[in-house]
C-alpha atoms as a PDB file:
ATOM      1  CA  MET A   1     -20.245   1.528  15.740  1.00  0.00           C
ATOM      2  CA  THR A   2     -19.791   0.417  12.039  1.00  0.00           C
ATOM      3  CA  ASN A   3     -19.062   3.000   9.474  1.00  0.00           C
ATOM      4  CA  ASN A   4     -20.973   2.249   6.276  1.00  0.00           C
ATOM      5  CA  ASN A   5     -18.908   4.042   4.018  1.00  0.00           C
ATOM      6  CA  VAL A   6     -15.518   1.931   5.148  1.00  0.00           C
ATOM      7  CA  ILE A   7     -14.950  -0.825   2.279  1.00  0.00           C
ATOM      8  CA  LEU A   8     -11.879  -2.260   3.965  1.00  0.00           C
ATOM      9  CA  SER A   9     -11.118  -2.310   7.544  1.00  0.00           C
ATOM     10  CA  VAL A  10      -7.786  -3.951   8.539  1.00  0.00           C
ATOM     11  CA  GLN A  11      -7.825  -4.621  12.317  1.00  0.00           C
ATOM     12  CA  ASN A  12      -5.056  -5.482  14.609  1.00  0.00           C
ATOM     13  CA  LEU A  13      -3.010  -7.472  11.627  1.00  0.00           C
ATOM     14  CA  SER A  14       0.058  -9.297  12.544  1.00  0.00           C
ATOM     15  CA  THR A  15       1.871 -11.395   9.669  1.00  0.00           C
ATOM     16  CA  TRP A  16       5.135 -13.112  10.641  1.00  0.00           C
ATOM     17  CA  PHE A  17       7.573 -15.477   8.707  1.00  0.00           C
ATOM     18  CA  GLU A  18       9.643 -18.505  10.258  1.00  0.00           C
ATOM     19  CA  THR A  19      13.047 -18.421   9.083  1.00  0.00           C
ATOM     20  CA  GLU A  20      15.979 -20.826   9.947  1.00  0.00           C
ATOM     21  CA  LEU A  21      17.395 -17.592  12.126  1.00  0.00           C
ATOM     22  CA  GLY A  22      14.291 -17.091  13.812  1.00  0.00           C
ATOM     23  CA  THR A  23      10.711 -15.381  13.464  1.00  0.00           C
ATOM     24  CA  ALA A  24      10.783 -12.263  11.318  1.00  0.00           C
ATOM     25  CA  LYS A  25       7.603 -10.355  12.797  1.00  0.00           C
ATOM     26  CA  SER A  26       6.864  -8.361   9.657  1.00  0.00           C
ATOM     27  CA  VAL A  27       3.640  -6.654  10.342  1.00  0.00           C
ATOM     28  CA  GLN A  28       2.471  -6.249  13.881  1.00  0.00           C
ATOM     29  CA  ASN A  29      -0.901  -5.021  14.998  1.00  0.00           C
ATOM     30  CA  VAL A  30      -1.672  -2.910  12.163  1.00  0.00           C
ATOM     31  CA  SER A  31      -5.121  -1.156  11.843  1.00  0.00           C
ATOM     32  CA  TYR A  32      -6.255   1.057   9.414  1.00  0.00           C
ATOM     33  CA  ASP A  33      -9.669   1.708   7.205  1.00  0.00           C
ATOM     34  CA  ILE A  34     -10.205   2.779   3.763  1.00  0.00           C
ATOM     35  CA  GLU A  35     -13.516   4.397   2.636  1.00  0.00           C
ATOM     36  CA  LYS A  36     -15.345   3.999  -0.454  1.00  0.00           C
ATOM     37  CA  GLY A  37     -14.002   6.201  -3.333  1.00  0.00           C
ATOM     38  CA  LYS A  38     -11.082   7.343  -1.221  1.00  0.00           C
ATOM     39  CA  THR A  39      -7.351   6.826  -1.549  1.00  0.00           C
ATOM     40  CA  LEU A  40      -5.396   5.781   1.423  1.00  0.00           C
ATOM     41  CA  ALA A  41      -1.472   5.990   1.156  1.00  0.00           C
ATOM     42  CA  LEU A  42       0.684   3.564   3.033  1.00  0.00           C
ATOM     43  CA  VAL A  43       4.144   5.158   3.511  1.00  0.00           C
ATOM     44  CA  GLY A  44       7.674   4.028   4.799  1.00  0.00           C
ATOM     45  CA  GLU A  45      10.793   2.897   4.056  1.00  0.00           C
ATOM     46  CA  SER A  46      11.712  -0.374   2.402  1.00  0.00           C
ATOM     47  CA  GLY A  47      11.430  -3.102   4.718  1.00  0.00           C
ATOM     48  CA  CYS A  48       8.749  -1.637   6.906  1.00  0.00           C
ATOM     49  CA  GLY A  49       5.905  -3.988   6.162  1.00  0.00           C
ATOM     50  CA  LYS A  50       3.950  -2.312   3.609  1.00  0.00           C
ATOM     51  CA  SER A  51       3.936  -4.775   0.875  1.00  0.00           C
ATOM     52  CA  VAL A  52       3.519  -7.680   3.349  1.00  0.00           C
ATOM     53  CA  SER A  53       0.334  -5.877   4.592  1.00  0.00           C
ATOM     54  CA  ALA A  54      -1.079  -5.477   1.237  1.00  0.00           C
ATOM     55  CA  LEU A  55      -0.055  -9.336   0.276  1.00  0.00           C
ATOM     56  CA  SER A  56      -2.015 -10.270   3.474  1.00  0.00           C
ATOM     57  CA  ILE A  57      -5.130  -8.542   2.345  1.00  0.00           C
ATOM     58  CA  MET A  58      -4.967 -10.513  -0.839  1.00  0.00           C
ATOM     59  CA  ARG A  59      -4.018 -13.697   0.863  1.00  0.00           C
ATOM     60  CA  LEU A  60      -1.003 -14.234  -0.947  1.00  0.00           C
ATOM     61  CA  ILE A  61       1.557 -14.717   1.941  1.00  0.00           C
ATOM     62  CA  PRO A  62       3.407 -18.052   0.925  1.00  0.00           C
ATOM     63  CA  THR A  63       2.567 -20.444   3.859  1.00  0.00           C
ATOM     64  CA  PRO A  64       5.028 -21.772   4.768  1.00  0.00           C
ATOM     65  CA  PRO A  65       7.128 -19.917   5.908  1.00  0.00           C
ATOM     66  CA  GLY A  66       4.729 -17.048   6.336  1.00  0.00           C
ATOM     67  CA  ARG A  67       1.379 -16.883   8.163  1.00  0.00           C
ATOM     68  CA  ILE A  68      -1.231 -14.244   9.480  1.00  0.00           C
ATOM     69  CA  VAL A  69      -0.761 -14.851  13.299  1.00  0.00           C
ATOM     70  CA  SER A  70      -3.704 -12.745  14.366  1.00  0.00           C
ATOM     71  CA  GLY A  71      -6.043  -9.740  13.282  1.00  0.00           C
ATOM     72  CA  LYS A  72      -9.136  -9.454  10.907  1.00  0.00           C
ATOM     73  CA  ILE A  73      -9.438  -8.078   7.301  1.00  0.00           C
ATOM     74  CA  ILE A  74     -13.091  -6.949   6.833  1.00  0.00           C
ATOM     75  CA  PHE A  75     -13.878  -6.384   3.276  1.00  0.00           C
ATOM     76  CA  ASN A  76     -17.574  -5.468   2.519  1.00  0.00           C
ATOM     77  CA  GLY A  77     -18.565  -6.302   6.122  1.00  0.00           C
ATOM     78  CA  GLU A  78     -17.038  -9.891   5.812  1.00  0.00           C
ATOM     79  CA  ASN A  79     -13.747 -11.003   7.468  1.00  0.00           C
ATOM     80  CA  ILE A  80     -11.869 -12.575   4.529  1.00  0.00           C
ATOM     81  CA  LEU A  81      -9.535 -14.129   6.627  1.00  0.00           C
ATOM     82  CA  ASP A  82     -12.257 -16.558   7.296  1.00  0.00           C
ATOM     83  CA  TYR A  83     -12.703 -17.405   3.784  1.00  0.00           C
ATOM     84  CA  THR A  84     -11.533 -20.514   2.164  1.00  0.00           C
ATOM     85  CA  GLU A  85      -9.074 -20.593  -1.025  1.00  0.00           C
ATOM     86  CA  LYS A  86     -11.928 -21.107  -3.376  1.00  0.00           C
ATOM     87  CA  GLN A  87     -13.782 -18.216  -1.786  1.00  0.00           C
ATOM     88  CA  MET A  88     -10.613 -15.884  -2.053  1.00  0.00           C
ATOM     89  CA  ARG A  89     -10.169 -16.757  -5.738  1.00  0.00           C
ATOM     90  CA  LYS A  90     -13.635 -15.084  -6.428  1.00  0.00           C
ATOM     91  CA  ILE A  91     -12.069 -12.203  -4.519  1.00  0.00           C
ATOM     92  CA  ARG A  92      -8.923 -11.665  -5.896  1.00  0.00           C
ATOM     93  CA  GLY A  93      -8.816  -9.855  -9.606  1.00  0.00           C
ATOM     94  CA  ASN A  94     -12.639  -9.481  -9.153  1.00  0.00           C
ATOM     95  CA  LYS A  95     -13.392  -7.469  -6.245  1.00  0.00           C
ATOM     96  CA  ILE A  96     -10.064  -6.565  -5.351  1.00  0.00           C
ATOM     97  CA  GLY A  97      -7.629  -5.703  -7.915  1.00  0.00           C
ATOM     98  CA  MET A  98      -3.829  -5.252  -7.241  1.00  0.00           C
ATOM     99  CA  ILE A  99      -0.972  -3.952  -9.395  1.00  0.00           C
ATOM    100  CA  PHE A 100       2.453  -5.371  -8.293  1.00  0.00           C
ATOM    101  CA  GLN A 101       5.451  -3.674  -7.718  1.00  0.00           C
ATOM    102  CA  GLU A 102       7.525  -4.668 -10.851  1.00  0.00           C
ATOM    103  CA  PRO A 103       5.973  -4.539 -14.442  1.00  0.00           C
ATOM    104  CA  MET A 104       8.822  -5.816 -16.052  1.00  0.00           C
ATOM    105  CA  THR A 105       8.472  -9.176 -14.323  1.00  0.00           C
ATOM    106  CA  SER A 106       4.763  -9.567 -13.442  1.00  0.00           C
ATOM    107  CA  LEU A 107       3.442 -10.347 -16.974  1.00  0.00           C
ATOM    108  CA  ASN A 108       4.006 -13.713 -18.604  1.00  0.00           C
ATOM    109  CA  PRO A 109       6.445 -13.396 -21.470  1.00  0.00           C
ATOM    110  CA  VAL A 110       5.126 -16.473 -23.275  1.00  0.00           C
ATOM    111  CA  TYR A 111       1.477 -15.081 -23.481  1.00  0.00           C
ATOM    112  CA  THR A 112      -0.019 -12.057 -25.590  1.00  0.00           C
ATOM    113  CA  ILE A 113      -1.308  -8.936 -23.705  1.00  0.00           C
ATOM    114  CA  GLY A 114      -4.917 -10.012 -24.822  1.00  0.00           C
ATOM    115  CA  GLN A 115      -4.297 -13.558 -23.467  1.00  0.00           C
ATOM    116  CA  GLN A 116      -3.303 -12.537 -20.061  1.00  0.00           C
ATOM    117  CA  ILE A 117      -6.221  -9.873 -19.883  1.00  0.00           C
ATOM    118  CA  ILE A 118      -9.011 -11.876 -21.080  1.00  0.00           C
ATOM    119  CA  GLU A 119      -8.130 -14.990 -18.709  1.00  0.00           C
ATOM    120  CA  THR A 120      -9.179 -12.638 -15.612  1.00  0.00           C
ATOM    121  CA  ILE A 121     -12.172 -11.627 -17.482  1.00  0.00           C
ATOM    122  CA  THR A 122     -13.133 -15.160 -18.130  1.00  0.00           C
ATOM    123  CA  LEU A 123     -12.463 -16.381 -14.809  1.00  0.00           C
ATOM    124  CA  HIS A 124     -14.501 -13.862 -13.087  1.00  0.00           C
ATOM    125  CA  GLN A 125     -17.275 -12.915 -15.456  1.00  0.00           C
ATOM    126  CA  ASN A 126     -20.000 -14.929 -17.304  1.00  0.00           C
ATOM    127  CA  LYS A 127     -18.483 -13.875 -20.767  1.00  0.00           C
ATOM    128  CA  THR A 128     -17.454 -15.690 -23.836  1.00  0.00           C
ATOM    129  CA  GLU A 129     -14.016 -15.308 -25.259  1.00  0.00           C
ATOM    130  CA  GLU A 130     -15.412 -12.735 -27.930  1.00  0.00           C
ATOM    131  CA  GLN A 131     -16.773 -10.597 -25.225  1.00  0.00           C
ATOM    132  CA  ALA A 132     -13.702 -10.839 -22.831  1.00  0.00           C
ATOM    133  CA  TRP A 133     -11.557  -9.645 -25.753  1.00  0.00           C
ATOM    134  CA  ALA A 134     -13.750  -6.512 -26.525  1.00  0.00           C
ATOM    135  CA  ILE A 135     -13.842  -5.849 -22.775  1.00  0.00           C
ATOM    136  CA  ALA A 136      -9.886  -6.191 -22.826  1.00  0.00           C
ATOM    137  CA  GLU A 137      -9.755  -3.860 -25.883  1.00  0.00           C
ATOM    138  CA  GLU A 138     -11.804  -1.206 -23.850  1.00  0.00           C
ATOM    139  CA  MET A 139      -9.813  -1.602 -20.893  1.00  0.00           C
ATOM    140  CA  LEU A 140      -6.501  -0.984 -22.987  1.00  0.00           C
ATOM    141  CA  GLU A 141      -8.027   2.118 -24.322  1.00  0.00           C
ATOM    142  CA  LYS A 142      -8.978   3.450 -20.931  1.00  0.00           C
ATOM    143  CA  VAL A 143      -5.810   3.359 -19.622  1.00  0.00           C
ATOM    144  CA  HIS A 144      -4.596   5.130 -22.644  1.00  0.00           C
ATOM    145  CA  ILE A 145      -2.584   2.563 -24.848  1.00  0.00           C
ATOM    146  CA  PRO A 146      -2.784   3.652 -28.464  1.00  0.00           C
ATOM    147  CA  ASP A 147      -3.892   1.254 -31.115  1.00  0.00           C
ATOM    148  CA  PRO A 148      -5.348  -1.272 -28.521  1.00  0.00           C
ATOM    149  CA  ALA A 149      -6.494  -3.958 -31.115  1.00  0.00           C
ATOM    150  CA  ARG A 150      -2.869  -4.311 -32.194  1.00  0.00           C
ATOM    151  CA  ARG A 151      -1.362  -4.435 -28.879  1.00  0.00           C
ATOM    152  CA  MET A 152      -3.719  -7.218 -27.725  1.00  0.00           C
ATOM    153  CA  ASN A 153      -1.757  -9.517 -30.095  1.00  0.00           C
ATOM    154  CA  GLU A 154       1.738  -8.393 -28.983  1.00  0.00           C
ATOM    155  CA  TYR A 155       4.049  -9.981 -26.470  1.00  0.00           C
ATOM    156  CA  PRO A 156       5.214  -8.049 -23.113  1.00  0.00           C
ATOM    157  CA  HIS A 157       8.704  -7.810 -24.347  1.00  0.00           C
ATOM    158  CA  LEU A 158       7.488  -5.443 -27.111  1.00  0.00           C
ATOM    159  CA  LEU A 159       6.302  -2.982 -24.859  1.00  0.00           C
ATOM    160  CA  SER A 160       8.110  -0.275 -22.718  1.00  0.00           C
ATOM    161  CA  GLY A 161       7.950  -0.214 -19.177  1.00  0.00           C
ATOM    162  CA  GLY A 162       5.343   2.419 -19.051  1.00  0.00           C
ATOM    163  CA  MET A 163       3.137   0.606 -21.426  1.00  0.00           C
ATOM    164  CA  ARG A 164       3.562  -2.462 -19.210  1.00  0.00           C
ATOM    165  CA  GLN A 165       2.449  -0.935 -16.226  1.00  0.00           C
ATOM    166  CA  ARG A 166      -0.632   0.487 -18.149  1.00  0.00           C
ATOM    167  CA  VAL A 167      -1.491  -3.094 -18.998  1.00  0.00           C
ATOM    168  CA  MET A 168      -1.012  -4.382 -15.462  1.00  0.00           C
ATOM    169  CA  ILE A 169      -3.458  -1.452 -14.662  1.00  0.00           C
ATOM    170  CA  ALA A 170      -5.931  -2.543 -17.402  1.00  0.00           C
ATOM    171  CA  MET A 171      -5.747  -6.399 -16.171  1.00  0.00           C
ATOM    172  CA  ALA A 172      -6.445  -5.104 -12.370  1.00  0.00           C
ATOM    173  CA  ILE A 173      -9.449  -2.886 -13.358  1.00  0.00           C
ATOM    174  CA  SER A 174     -10.854  -5.349 -16.014  1.00  0.00           C
ATOM    175  CA  CYS A 175     -13.616  -6.841 -13.589  1.00  0.00           C
ATOM    176  CA  LYS A 176     -14.192  -3.063 -12.278  1.00  0.00           C
ATOM    177  CA  PRO A 177     -12.965  -3.903  -8.710  1.00  0.00           C
ATOM    178  CA  SER A 178     -14.410  -1.822  -5.555  1.00  0.00           C
ATOM    179  CA  LEU A 179     -10.711  -1.797  -4.052  1.00  0.00           C
ATOM    180  CA  LEU A 180      -7.312  -1.534  -6.187  1.00  0.00           C
ATOM    181  CA  ILE A 181      -3.960  -2.146  -4.345  1.00  0.00           C
ATOM    182  CA  ALA A 182      -1.239  -0.365  -6.045  1.00  0.00           C
ATOM    183  CA  ASP A 183       2.128  -1.457  -4.773  1.00  0.00           C
ATOM    184  CA  GLU A 184       4.525   1.001  -5.826  1.00  0.00           C
ATOM    185  CA  PRO A 185       3.213   1.329  -9.178  1.00  0.00           C
ATOM    186  CA  THR A 186       5.663   3.624 -10.462  1.00  0.00           C
ATOM    187  CA  THR A 187       8.735   1.742  -9.603  1.00  0.00           C
ATOM    188  CA  ALA A 188      11.617   1.761 -12.383  1.00  0.00           C
ATOM    189  CA  LEU A 189       9.683   4.312 -14.551  1.00  0.00           C
ATOM    190  CA  ASP A 190      11.103   7.615 -15.692  1.00  0.00           C
ATOM    191  CA  VAL A 191       9.494  10.932 -13.681  1.00  0.00           C
ATOM    192  CA  THR A 192       7.356  11.546 -16.978  1.00  0.00           C
ATOM    193  CA  ILE A 193       5.936   8.197 -17.108  1.00  0.00           C
ATOM    194  CA  GLN A 194       5.436   8.236 -13.358  1.00  0.00           C
ATOM    195  CA  ALA A 195       3.113  11.103 -13.515  1.00  0.00           C
ATOM    196  CA  GLN A 196       0.980   9.799 -16.137  1.00  0.00           C
ATOM    197  CA  ILE A 197       0.743   6.426 -14.396  1.00  0.00           C
ATOM    198  CA  LEU A 198      -0.496   8.467 -11.224  1.00  0.00           C
ATOM    199  CA  ASP A 199      -2.751  10.818 -13.121  1.00  0.00           C
ATOM    200  CA  LEU A 200      -4.379   7.616 -14.729  1.00  0.00           C
ATOM    201  CA  LEU A 201      -5.041   5.966 -11.065  1.00  0.00           C
ATOM    202  CA  ASP A 202      -6.684   9.286  -9.982  1.00  0.00           C
ATOM    203  CA  GLU A 203      -8.899   9.135 -13.018  1.00  0.00           C
ATOM    204  CA  LEU A 204      -9.758   5.836 -12.497  1.00  0.00           C
ATOM    205  CA  GLY A 205     -10.488   6.251  -8.884  1.00  0.00           C
ATOM    206  CA  HIS A 206     -12.852   8.953  -9.754  1.00  0.00           C
ATOM    207  CA  SER A 207     -14.533   7.708 -12.873  1.00  0.00           C
ATOM    208  CA  GLU A 208     -15.200   4.243 -11.427  1.00  0.00           C
ATOM    209  CA  ASN A 209     -15.848   5.303  -7.654  1.00  0.00           C
ATOM    210  CA  MET A 210     -13.023   2.941  -6.836  1.00  0.00           C
ATOM    211  CA  SER A 211     -11.029   2.851  -3.611  1.00  0.00           C
ATOM    212  CA  ILE A 212      -7.263   2.963  -3.703  1.00  0.00           C
ATOM    213  CA  LEU A 213      -4.483   1.652  -1.318  1.00  0.00           C
ATOM    214  CA  LEU A 214      -1.243   3.266  -2.813  1.00  0.00           C
ATOM    215  CA  ILE A 215       1.800   1.783  -1.304  1.00  0.00           C
ATOM    216  CA  THR A 216       4.861   4.384  -1.736  1.00  0.00           C
ATOM    217  CA  HIS A 217       7.867   5.790  -0.142  1.00  0.00           C
ATOM    218  CA  ASP A 218       7.314   8.930  -1.807  1.00  0.00           C
ATOM    219  CA  LEU A 219       6.046  11.584   0.159  1.00  0.00           C
ATOM    220  CA  GLY A 220       5.553  13.884  -2.947  1.00  0.00           C
ATOM    221  CA  VAL A 221       3.336  11.289  -4.494  1.00  0.00           C
ATOM    222  CA  VAL A 222       1.425  11.238  -1.230  1.00  0.00           C
ATOM    223  CA  ALA A 223       0.820  14.887  -0.930  1.00  0.00           C
ATOM    224  CA  GLN A 224      -0.905  15.049  -4.420  1.00  0.00           C
ATOM    225  CA  ARG A 225      -2.794  11.840  -4.472  1.00  0.00           C
ATOM    226  CA  SER A 226      -4.065  10.654  -1.236  1.00  0.00           C
ATOM    227  CA  ASP A 227      -6.847  11.563   1.070  1.00  0.00           C
ATOM    228  CA  ASP A 228      -5.545   9.776   4.302  1.00  0.00           C
ATOM    229  CA  VAL A 229      -2.076   8.417   5.116  1.00  0.00           C
ATOM    230  CA  VAL A 230      -0.527   5.727   7.218  1.00  0.00           C
ATOM    231  CA  VAL A 231       3.087   5.724   8.117  1.00  0.00           C
ATOM    232  CA  MET A 232       4.697   2.364   8.712  1.00  0.00           C
ATOM    233  CA  TYR A 233       8.041   1.972  10.644  1.00  0.00           C
ATOM    234  CA  ALA A 234       9.607  -1.426  11.222  1.00  0.00           C
ATOM    235  CA  SER A 235       6.298  -3.446  11.220  1.00  0.00           C
ATOM    236  CA  ARG A 236       4.108  -1.124  13.056  1.00  0.00           C
ATOM    237  CA  ILE A 237       2.359   1.968  12.601  1.00  0.00           C
ATOM    238  CA  ALA A 238       3.869   5.091  13.789  1.00  0.00           C
ATOM    239  CA  GLU A 239       1.266   7.652  12.584  1.00  0.00           C
ATOM    240  CA  LYS A 240      -1.979   7.829  10.663  1.00  0.00           C
ATOM    241  CA  CYS A 241      -4.401  10.726   9.961  1.00  0.00           C
ATOM    242  CA  SER A 242      -5.572  12.901   6.777  1.00  0.00           C
ATOM    243  CA  CYS A 243      -2.977  13.753   4.308  1.00  0.00           C
ATOM    244  CA  LYS A 244      -3.569  17.386   4.980  1.00  0.00           C
ATOM    245  CA  GLU A 245      -3.150  17.004   8.927  1.00  0.00           C
ATOM    246  CA  LEU A 246       0.215  14.890   8.189  1.00  0.00           C
ATOM    247  CA  PHE A 247       1.806  17.606   6.309  1.00  0.00           C
ATOM    248  CA  ASN A 248       0.648  20.317   8.295  1.00  0.00           C
ATOM    249  CA  ASN A 249       1.184  18.877  11.686  1.00  0.00           C
ATOM    250  CA  PRO A 250       3.362  15.955  11.912  1.00  0.00           C
ATOM    251  CA  LEU A 251       3.779  14.485  15.129  1.00  0.00           C
ATOM    252  CA  HIS A 252       5.847  11.389  15.073  1.00  0.00           C
ATOM    253  CA  PRO A 253       9.807  11.991  14.938  1.00  0.00           C
ATOM    254  CA  TYR A 254      10.027   9.447  12.036  1.00  0.00           C
ATOM    255  CA  THR A 255       7.384  11.427  10.053  1.00  0.00           C
ATOM    256  CA  GLN A 256       9.142  14.706  10.754  1.00  0.00           C
ATOM    257  CA  GLY A 257      12.320  13.331   9.625  1.00  0.00           C
ATOM    258  CA  LEU A 258      10.712  11.784   6.299  1.00  0.00           C
ATOM    259  CA  LEU A 259       9.385  15.416   5.525  1.00  0.00           C
ATOM    260  CA  LYS A 260      12.481  17.069   6.380  1.00  0.00           C
ATOM    261  CA  SER A 261      14.141  14.839   3.748  1.00  0.00           C
ATOM    262  CA  LEU A 262      12.048  16.380   0.996  1.00  0.00           C
ATOM    263  CA  PRO A 263      13.598  18.869  -1.241  1.00  0.00           C
ATOM    264  CA  GLN A 264      12.354  22.586  -0.250  1.00  0.00           C
ATOM    265  CA  LEU A 265      11.729  24.772  -3.213  1.00  0.00           C
ATOM    266  CA  GLY A 266      12.993  28.366  -2.992  1.00  0.00           C
ATOM    267  CA  THR A 267      15.635  27.796  -0.518  1.00  0.00           C
ATOM    268  CA  ASN A 268      19.381  27.768  -0.426  1.00  0.00           C
ATOM    269  CA  GLN A 269      19.514  24.095   0.296  1.00  0.00           C
ATOM    270  CA  LYS A 270      22.669  22.363  -0.881  1.00  0.00           C
ATOM    271  CA  ARG A 271      21.974  18.909   0.609  1.00  0.00           C
ATOM    272  CA  LEU A 272      18.871  17.027   1.684  1.00  0.00           C
ATOM    273  CA  ASN A 273      18.382  16.080   5.177  1.00  0.00           C
ATOM    274  CA  THR A 274      18.589  12.392   6.136  1.00  0.00           C
ATOM    275  CA  ILE A 275      17.459   9.860   8.784  1.00  0.00           C
ATOM    276  CA  ALA A 276      20.568   8.271  10.332  1.00  0.00           C
ATOM    277  CA  GLY A 277      20.903   4.613  10.332  1.00  0.00           C
ATOM    278  CA  ASN A 278      18.520   2.069   8.751  1.00  0.00           C
ATOM    279  CA  VAL A 279      15.367   0.402   9.235  1.00  0.00           C
ATOM    280  CA  PRO A 280      15.969  -2.580  11.641  1.00  0.00           C
ATOM    281  CA  GLU A 281      15.678  -6.287  10.622  1.00  0.00           C
ATOM    282  CA  PRO A 282      12.536  -7.712  11.514  1.00  0.00           C
ATOM    283  CA  MET A 283      14.328 -10.609  13.607  1.00  0.00           C
ATOM    284  CA  ASN A 284      16.464  -7.812  15.415  1.00  0.00           C
ATOM    285  CA  PHE A 285      13.975  -5.126  16.507  1.00  0.00           C
ATOM    286  CA  PRO A 286      15.394  -2.871  19.235  1.00  0.00           C
ATOM    287  CA  THR A 287      13.590  -2.960  22.532  1.00  0.00           C
ATOM    288  CA  GLY A 288      11.306  -0.070  23.453  1.00  0.00           C
ATOM    289  CA  CYS A 289      10.230   2.373  20.551  1.00  0.00           C
ATOM    290  CA  LYS A 290      11.777   0.685  17.343  1.00  0.00           C
ATOM    291  CA  PHE A 291      12.618   4.176  15.953  1.00  0.00           C
ATOM    292  CA  HIS A 292      14.596   5.276  19.130  1.00  0.00           C
ATOM    293  CA  PRO A 293      18.237   4.500  17.696  1.00  0.00           C
ATOM    294  CA  ARG A 294      17.390   6.905  15.055  1.00  0.00           C
ATOM    295  CA  CYS A 295      15.462   9.436  16.892  1.00  0.00           C
ATOM    296  CA  PRO A 296      16.979  12.811  18.029  1.00  0.00           C
ATOM    297  CA  ILE A 297      14.908  12.237  21.078  1.00  0.00           C
ATOM    298  CA  GLY A 298      14.616   8.597  21.892  1.00  0.00           C
ATOM    299  CA  CYS A 299      18.407   7.841  21.432  1.00  0.00           C
ATOM    300  CA  ASN A 300      19.028   9.560  24.630  1.00  0.00           C
ATOM    301  CA  ASP A 301      15.841   8.682  26.493  1.00  0.00           C
ATOM    302  CA  LYS A 302      15.710   5.712  28.698  1.00  0.00           C
ATOM    303  CA  ARG A 303      11.841   5.479  28.533  1.00  0.00           C
ATOM    304  CA  CYS A 304      11.848   5.293  24.770  1.00  0.00           C
ATOM    305  CA  GLN A 305      14.574   2.820  24.904  1.00  0.00           C
ATOM    306  CA  SER A 306      12.726   0.414  27.134  1.00  0.00           C
ATOM    307  CA  GLU A 307       8.962   0.834  26.495  1.00  0.00           C
ATOM    308  CA  GLU A 308       7.266   0.716  23.404  1.00  0.00           C
ATOM    309  CA  PRO A 309       4.469   3.148  22.806  1.00  0.00           C
ATOM    310  CA  GLU A 310       1.089   2.116  21.484  1.00  0.00           C
ATOM    311  CA  LEU A 311      -0.689   4.012  18.740  1.00  0.00           C
ATOM    312  CA  LYS A 312      -3.204   6.329  20.396  1.00  0.00           C
ATOM    313  CA  GLU A 313      -5.505   8.934  18.974  1.00  0.00           C
ATOM    314  CA  VAL A 314      -3.884  12.186  20.322  1.00  0.00           C
ATOM    315  CA  SER A 315      -6.463  14.335  18.506  1.00  0.00           C
ATOM    316  CA  LYS A 316      -9.464  14.147  16.287  1.00  0.00           C
ATOM    317  CA  GLY A 317      -8.590  11.554  13.502  1.00  0.00           C
ATOM    318  CA  HIS A 318      -4.966  11.854  14.321  1.00  0.00           C
ATOM    319  CA  PHE A 319      -3.134   8.780  15.686  1.00  0.00           C
ATOM    320  CA  ALA A 320       0.494   8.688  16.724  1.00  0.00           C
ATOM    321  CA  ALA A 321       2.927   6.239  18.713  1.00  0.00           C
ATOM    322  CA  CYS A 322       5.329   8.327  20.392  1.00  0.00           C
ATOM    323  CA  TRP A 323       5.656   9.173  23.975  1.00  0.00           C
ATOM    324  CA  TYR A 324       6.677  13.076  23.205  1.00  0.00           C
ATOM    325  CA  ALA A 325       3.735  13.471  20.692  1.00  0.00           C
ATOM    326  CA  PRO A 326       1.753  16.471  21.899  1.00  0.00           C
ATOM    327  CA  GLY A 327      -1.286  15.205  24.447  1.00  0.00           C
ATOM    328  CA  TYR A 328      -0.267  11.766  24.009  1.00  0.00           C
ATOM    329  CA  GLU A 329       0.320  11.050  27.678  1.00  0.00           C
ATOM    330  CA  LYS A 330      -3.213  12.607  28.489  1.00  0.00           C
ATOM    331  CA  VAL A 331      -4.714   9.711  26.237  1.00  0.00           C
ATOM    332  CA  LYS A 332      -6.070   6.757  28.026  1.00  0.00           C
ATOM    333  CA  SER A 333      -4.613   3.345  27.033  1.00  0.00           C
ATOM    334  CA  ASP A 334      -6.860   1.244  24.972  1.00  0.00           C
ATOM    335  CA  LYS A 335      -5.627  -1.811  26.966  1.00  0.00           C
END
């Protein structure tokens, strides 16, 4: 049954890269939905496939070496994987906005801030340059950049990292997209500026009724800013549920490890807990459950080492991919 409140539905998405050393399966069978006006957080360590998932939605995977092998990406009821490049250009920056990971390098150093924002507006909207300039100023004001008229004529190198990130957000929302993808929008910013940027995204989400896909590895950010959470590990989804459910009842050992690594207020904790080992390389995934070499249960369990668990709904709205998740064995396979 179709949920009319879902603006984006990623279904069994797989994105691979062909390299000289073999095939890197960066995203495998990933599925999640984003509802209108809601924020979904995509969480996991670096290298787990979060950004590749987002770039697949935007159809910005470089081909070759990358390719979307299978799946559907349903946006406003249509599978945009069937769109031509010309059709996608009408979607990118218009219906779906994206804030890229690195504000220091995402802006073109040889064009002014104003020139870069109005290019997006004139490309997607039937506006004159003068009208686009006025809209761009309004966007800079909306993201709380002081003296926007003056900033429009400045070059990126004259702005701080936080100001550049605000410009990126202004550019991303200039056409009032219904979905905003924010790929680690606070990378390389100090803590105070991070909070301001995240507050700004919250404010825009509510005022514009905009859905947000927030990609991050910071669970502190997730706890405060998201409605639903998808935890990714080594190209696949380990767990997905509401934000409240994730923090109150984490089922996957990887999610539990991430939560234990957070500092605990009011304790005598001297060192943070860590998850031993590293995320495996996409061309060298272990057999069975991909987390088993780092898992306190799976490292000693033959089934975890030989059979990969699929993602199952173990309780209402709570999905996990772990043989030892409570209730997992009772759920029938979808296959």
